[in-house]
Amino acid sequence: MSDEHIDAGQKGQKKGFLPMIRSIIAATIALTLSVHAVAGKSITAKLEAPTDRTIKIVAAKALWKCVDDTCTATLDRPNVRISTCQQVVKSLGRVSAFSSDQKTLSPSKLEKCNAAVKS
């Protein structure tokens, strides 16, 4: 009788082990996907007037690094916004382009962005 009891217990452990492994795998995949979803996106601003030195500023809740006519930052947003661009031009001056890996501000939106430059 005791042998049967051990065998029944072992069978139960095997059945419980597979769902546990599946749960761990599913949780790992979900965590990996969520990390990629919140990972920052690179944003680039092309300045109309290049800088003569490397500049670092904080604008739109991000650290921007500018070399020559190119400024880059990593933001927690998936796309570019006029409001983000406006915050950048207030500190750096007019831009000729404002883009992410997936989207570029249109000429009309870029015009609205540059309107935020202090005169």
Protein backbone atom coordinates (compact mmCIF):
# COMPACT_ATOMS: atom_id res chain seq x y z
CA MET A 1 0.00 0.00 0.00
CA SER A 2 2.72 2.45 0.79
CA ASP A 3 4.28 1.92 -2.68
CA GLU A 4 0.97 2.76 -4.33
CA HIS A 5 0.66 5.88 -2.20
CA ILE A 6 4.14 7.11 -3.23
CA ASP A 7 3.45 6.41 -6.92
CA ALA A 8 0.18 8.35 -6.76
CA GLY A 9 1.97 11.26 -5.09
CA GLN A 10 4.72 11.27 -7.70
CA LYS A 11 2.19 11.28 -10.51
CA GLY A 12 0.50 14.29 -8.91
CA GLN A 13 3.85 16.09 -8.70
CA LYS A 14 4.54 15.48 -12.39
CA LYS A 15 1.13 16.81 -13.35
CA GLY A 16 1.63 19.93 -11.18
CA PHE A 17 5.15 20.54 -12.47
CA LEU A 18 4.23 21.12 -16.13
CA PRO A 19 1.62 23.85 -15.47
CA MET A 20 4.08 25.55 -13.12
CA ILE A 21 6.76 25.59 -15.83
CA ARG A 22 4.22 26.96 -18.32
CA SER A 23 3.30 29.73 -15.88
CA ILE A 24 6.94 30.65 -15.37
CA ILE A 25 7.54 30.76 -19.14
CA ALA A 26 4.42 32.87 -19.70
CA ALA A 27 5.44 35.30 -16.93
CA THR A 28 8.95 35.60 -18.38
CA ILE A 29 7.58 36.37 -21.86
CA ALA A 30 5.12 38.93 -20.47
CA LEU A 31 7.87 40.66 -18.50
CA THR A 32 10.16 40.75 -21.53
CA LEU A 33 7.44 42.27 -23.70
CA SER A 34 6.52 44.88 -21.09
CA VAL A 35 10.16 45.94 -20.73
CA HIS A 36 10.38 46.45 -24.49
CA ALA A 37 7.09 48.36 -24.49
CA VAL A 38 8.35 50.93 -21.98
CA ALA A 39 11.84 51.12 -23.32
CA GLY A 40 12.69 54.60 -24.51
CA LYS A 41 12.60 55.72 -28.11
CA SER A 42 15.36 57.70 -29.71
CA ILE A 43 14.27 61.17 -30.85
CA THR A 44 16.38 63.36 -33.12
CA ALA A 45 16.17 67.10 -33.62
CA LYS A 46 18.09 68.73 -36.49
CA LEU A 47 19.06 72.28 -35.60
CA GLU A 48 18.85 75.05 -38.19
CA ALA A 49 21.95 76.64 -36.63
CA PRO A 50 24.65 74.10 -35.74
CA THR A 51 26.41 74.39 -32.37
CA ASP A 52 30.13 75.02 -32.15
CA ARG A 53 30.46 72.67 -29.16
CA THR A 54 28.73 69.69 -27.58
CA ILE A 55 25.66 70.77 -25.61
CA LYS A 56 23.67 68.81 -23.04
CA ILE A 57 20.32 70.11 -21.82
CA VAL A 58 17.22 68.75 -20.16
CA ALA A 59 14.00 69.38 -22.08
CA ALA A 60 10.72 67.45 -22.31
CA LYS A 61 11.81 65.31 -19.35
CA ALA A 62 14.84 63.97 -21.22
CA LEU A 63 18.56 64.62 -21.49
CA TRP A 64 19.40 65.96 -24.95
CA LYS A 65 22.92 65.79 -26.36
CA CYS A 66 23.71 68.05 -29.31
CA VAL A 67 26.73 67.80 -31.58
CA ASP A 68 26.91 70.10 -34.61
CA ASP A 69 23.35 70.23 -35.97
CA THR A 70 22.06 67.00 -34.41
CA CYS A 71 20.46 66.60 -30.99
CA THR A 72 19.33 63.23 -29.65
CA ALA A 73 17.48 62.01 -26.58
CA THR A 74 15.70 58.91 -25.37
CA LEU A 75 12.08 59.48 -24.39
CA ASP A 76 9.44 57.20 -22.94
CA ARG A 77 7.02 57.93 -25.78
CA PRO A 78 6.59 55.88 -28.93
CA ASN A 79 6.28 58.85 -31.28
CA VAL A 80 7.15 62.52 -31.71
CA ARG A 81 4.85 65.30 -30.56
CA ILE A 82 4.63 68.99 -31.32
CA SER A 83 4.65 69.74 -27.58
CA THR A 84 7.93 67.86 -27.14
CA CYS A 85 9.45 69.67 -30.09
CA GLN A 86 8.30 73.03 -28.67
CA GLN A 87 10.03 72.35 -25.36
CA VAL A 88 13.23 71.53 -27.21
CA VAL A 89 13.24 74.61 -29.46
CA LYS A 90 12.66 76.88 -26.47
CA SER A 91 16.10 75.80 -25.24
CA LEU A 92 17.98 75.10 -28.47
CA GLY A 93 16.44 77.27 -31.20
CA ARG A 94 14.69 76.45 -34.44
CA VAL A 95 14.84 72.94 -35.87
CA SER A 96 14.72 71.80 -39.49
CA ALA A 97 13.54 68.28 -38.57
CA PHE A 98 12.17 66.45 -35.54
CA SER A 99 11.78 62.68 -35.72
CA SER A 100 11.85 59.26 -34.12
CA ASP A 101 12.66 55.93 -35.71
CA GLN A 102 9.02 55.66 -36.80
CA LYS A 103 7.72 59.18 -37.36
CA THR A 104 8.82 62.62 -38.55
CA LEU A 105 6.96 65.84 -37.86
CA SER A 106 5.34 67.18 -41.03
CA PRO A 107 6.38 70.63 -42.34
CA SER A 108 3.18 72.21 -40.97
CA LYS A 109 3.73 70.67 -37.52
CA LEU A 110 7.37 71.69 -37.62
CA GLU A 111 6.25 75.26 -38.29
CA LYS A 112 4.02 75.13 -35.20
CA CYS A 113 6.92 73.74 -33.23
CA ASN A 114 9.31 76.49 -34.30
CA ALA A 115 6.72 79.14 -33.40
CA ALA A 116 7.61 78.40 -29.75
CA VAL A 117 11.12 79.83 -30.17
CA LYS A 118 11.65 82.89 -27.99
CA SER A 119 12.12 86.02 -30.07
